């Protein structure tokens, strides 16, 4: 199955109609399964509320996502990501969740607009643009 992990930056860009949003929407639509860490919901809802995009318009963007909620500490995944480069906390959490979901990163695409996060994802072996 063609699977991806999506970072909040991509979903927010689509919801707010940022430049390139349609290209991102098409790319996301190509995946049979889309995953994200539970933190995405809070980050996404916060961002769209600041821009007054709420209700059904915001909810529609979350429907397709299967949320990853690891039932344990993520020390191994966090350490693996930090061995590549330091990341901000939320960015690090998303990379760790993707590693939890797919210990072999080659099996998962990682979608983000954050350059540092993309760098780490690529170095770990995720397919990322």
Protein backbone atom coordinates (compact mmCIF):
# COMPACT_ATOMS: atom_id res chain seq x y z
CA UNK A 1 0.00 0.00 0.00
CA UNK A 2 1.20 3.51 -0.82
CA UNK A 3 1.37 5.19 2.61
CA UNK A 4 2.41 8.60 3.85
CA UNK A 5 2.94 10.45 7.08
CA UNK A 6 1.85 14.08 6.88
CA UNK A 7 3.22 16.89 9.01
CA UNK A 8 0.95 19.71 10.16
CA UNK A 9 2.66 22.22 7.86
CA UNK A 10 1.27 20.49 4.77
CA UNK A 11 -2.29 20.20 6.04
CA UNK A 12 -2.35 23.83 7.23
CA UNK A 13 -1.01 25.07 3.87
CA UNK A 14 -3.79 23.18 2.09
CA UNK A 15 -6.52 24.39 4.48
CA UNK A 16 -5.42 28.01 4.22
CA UNK A 17 -4.96 27.94 0.46
CA UNK A 18 -1.29 28.89 0.64
CA UNK A 19 0.70 29.09 -2.61
CA UNK A 20 1.17 25.55 -3.87
CA UNK A 21 -1.83 24.25 -1.89
CA UNK A 22 -3.41 22.58 -4.90
CA UNK A 23 -0.16 20.78 -5.74
CA UNK A 24 0.04 19.57 -2.12
CA UNK A 25 -3.61 18.46 -2.18
CA UNK A 26 -3.00 16.42 -5.34
CA UNK A 27 0.13 14.85 -3.88
CA UNK A 28 -1.65 13.89 -0.68
CA UNK A 29 -4.54 12.40 -2.67
CA UNK A 30 -2.16 9.92 -4.35
CA UNK A 31 -1.64 8.01 -1.12
CA UNK A 32 -3.86 5.10 -0.18
CA UNK A 33 -3.32 5.75 3.53
CA UNK A 34 -2.34 8.98 5.28
CA UNK A 35 -1.05 8.96 8.86
CA UNK A 36 -0.13 11.63 11.40
CA UNK A 37 0.71 11.84 15.08
CA UNK A 38 -2.09 12.95 17.38
CA UNK A 39 -0.31 16.26 17.91
CA UNK A 40 -1.31 17.25 14.38
CA UNK A 41 -4.93 17.73 15.41
CA UNK A 42 -4.07 20.33 18.07
CA UNK A 43 -1.54 22.11 15.85
CA UNK A 44 -3.94 22.11 12.89
CA UNK A 45 -7.00 23.27 14.83
CA UNK A 46 -4.96 26.03 16.47
CA UNK A 47 -3.66 27.30 13.13
CA UNK A 48 -7.00 27.28 11.34
CA UNK A 49 -8.79 28.88 14.30
CA UNK A 50 -6.28 31.76 14.20
CA UNK A 51 -7.27 32.23 10.56
CA UNK A 52 -11.01 31.80 11.24
CA UNK A 53 -11.30 28.58 9.23
CA UNK A 54 -13.36 26.35 11.46
CA UNK A 55 -16.24 23.93 11.41
CA UNK A 56 -16.84 21.71 8.39
CA UNK A 57 -14.15 23.39 6.28
CA UNK A 58 -11.48 22.48 8.83
CA UNK A 59 -12.94 19.10 9.73
CA UNK A 60 -12.85 17.88 6.14
CA UNK A 61 -9.06 18.06 6.15
CA UNK A 62 -8.79 15.75 9.15
CA UNK A 63 -11.15 13.00 7.97
CA UNK A 64 -8.69 11.13 5.80
CA UNK A 65 -5.97 10.93 8.42
CA UNK A 66 -5.35 7.87 10.58
CA UNK A 67 -3.83 9.07 13.83
CA UNK A 68 -0.79 7.38 15.34
CA UNK A 69 -0.87 7.33 19.14
CA UNK A 70 2.17 5.39 20.38
CA UNK A 71 1.39 3.61 23.69
CA UNK A 72 4.91 3.98 25.03
CA UNK A 73 7.79 6.42 25.37
CA UNK A 74 9.43 7.25 22.05
CA UNK A 75 13.02 7.42 23.30
CA UNK A 76 14.47 5.13 20.61
CA UNK A 77 12.76 6.95 17.74
CA UNK A 78 13.59 10.39 19.15
CA UNK A 79 17.23 9.41 19.60
CA UNK A 80 17.38 8.05 16.06
CA UNK A 81 16.09 11.33 14.64
CA UNK A 82 18.33 13.47 16.86
CA UNK A 83 21.35 11.50 15.68
CA UNK A 84 20.75 13.14 12.29
CA UNK A 85 20.05 16.72 13.43
CA UNK A 86 18.36 18.66 16.19
CA UNK A 87 14.73 19.54 15.55
CA UNK A 88 12.13 21.61 17.39
CA UNK A 89 9.98 19.54 19.73
CA UNK A 90 6.86 19.20 17.59
CA UNK A 91 8.88 18.49 14.44
CA UNK A 92 10.87 15.87 16.32
CA UNK A 93 7.67 14.27 17.62
CA UNK A 94 6.28 13.92 14.09
CA UNK A 95 9.48 12.27 12.82
CA UNK A 96 9.48 9.93 15.85
CA UNK A 97 5.84 8.97 15.20
CA UNK A 98 6.66 8.21 11.58
CA UNK A 99 9.55 6.00 12.72
CA UNK A 100 7.21 4.25 15.16
CA UNK A 101 4.72 3.63 12.36
CA UNK A 102 7.38 2.47 9.93
CA UNK A 103 10.69 1.36 11.48
CA UNK A 104 11.89 0.89 7.89
CA UNK A 105 11.49 4.46 6.61
CA UNK A 106 11.77 3.39 2.95
CA UNK A 107 8.21 2.06 3.23
CA UNK A 108 6.66 5.45 3.99
CA UNK A 109 6.60 8.91 2.43
CA UNK A 110 7.05 11.84 4.82
CA UNK A 111 5.33 15.04 3.70
CA UNK A 112 6.41 18.33 5.24
CA UNK A 113 7.13 21.93 4.29
CA UNK A 114 9.76 22.33 7.02
CA UNK A 115 13.29 22.18 5.56
CA UNK A 116 15.01 20.84 8.69
CA UNK A 117 12.37 18.20 9.24
CA UNK A 118 12.55 17.18 5.57
CA UNK A 119 16.34 16.89 5.83
CA UNK A 120 16.09 14.55 8.82
CA UNK A 121 13.33 12.50 7.19
CA UNK A 122 15.39 12.03 4.03
CA UNK A 123 18.54 11.12 5.97
CA UNK A 124 16.54 8.48 7.86
CA UNK A 125 15.34 7.05 4.55
CA UNK A 126 11.77 8.35 4.24
CA UNK A 127 10.64 9.35 0.79
CA UNK A 128 10.24 13.11 1.20
CA UNK A 129 9.84 16.20 -0.99
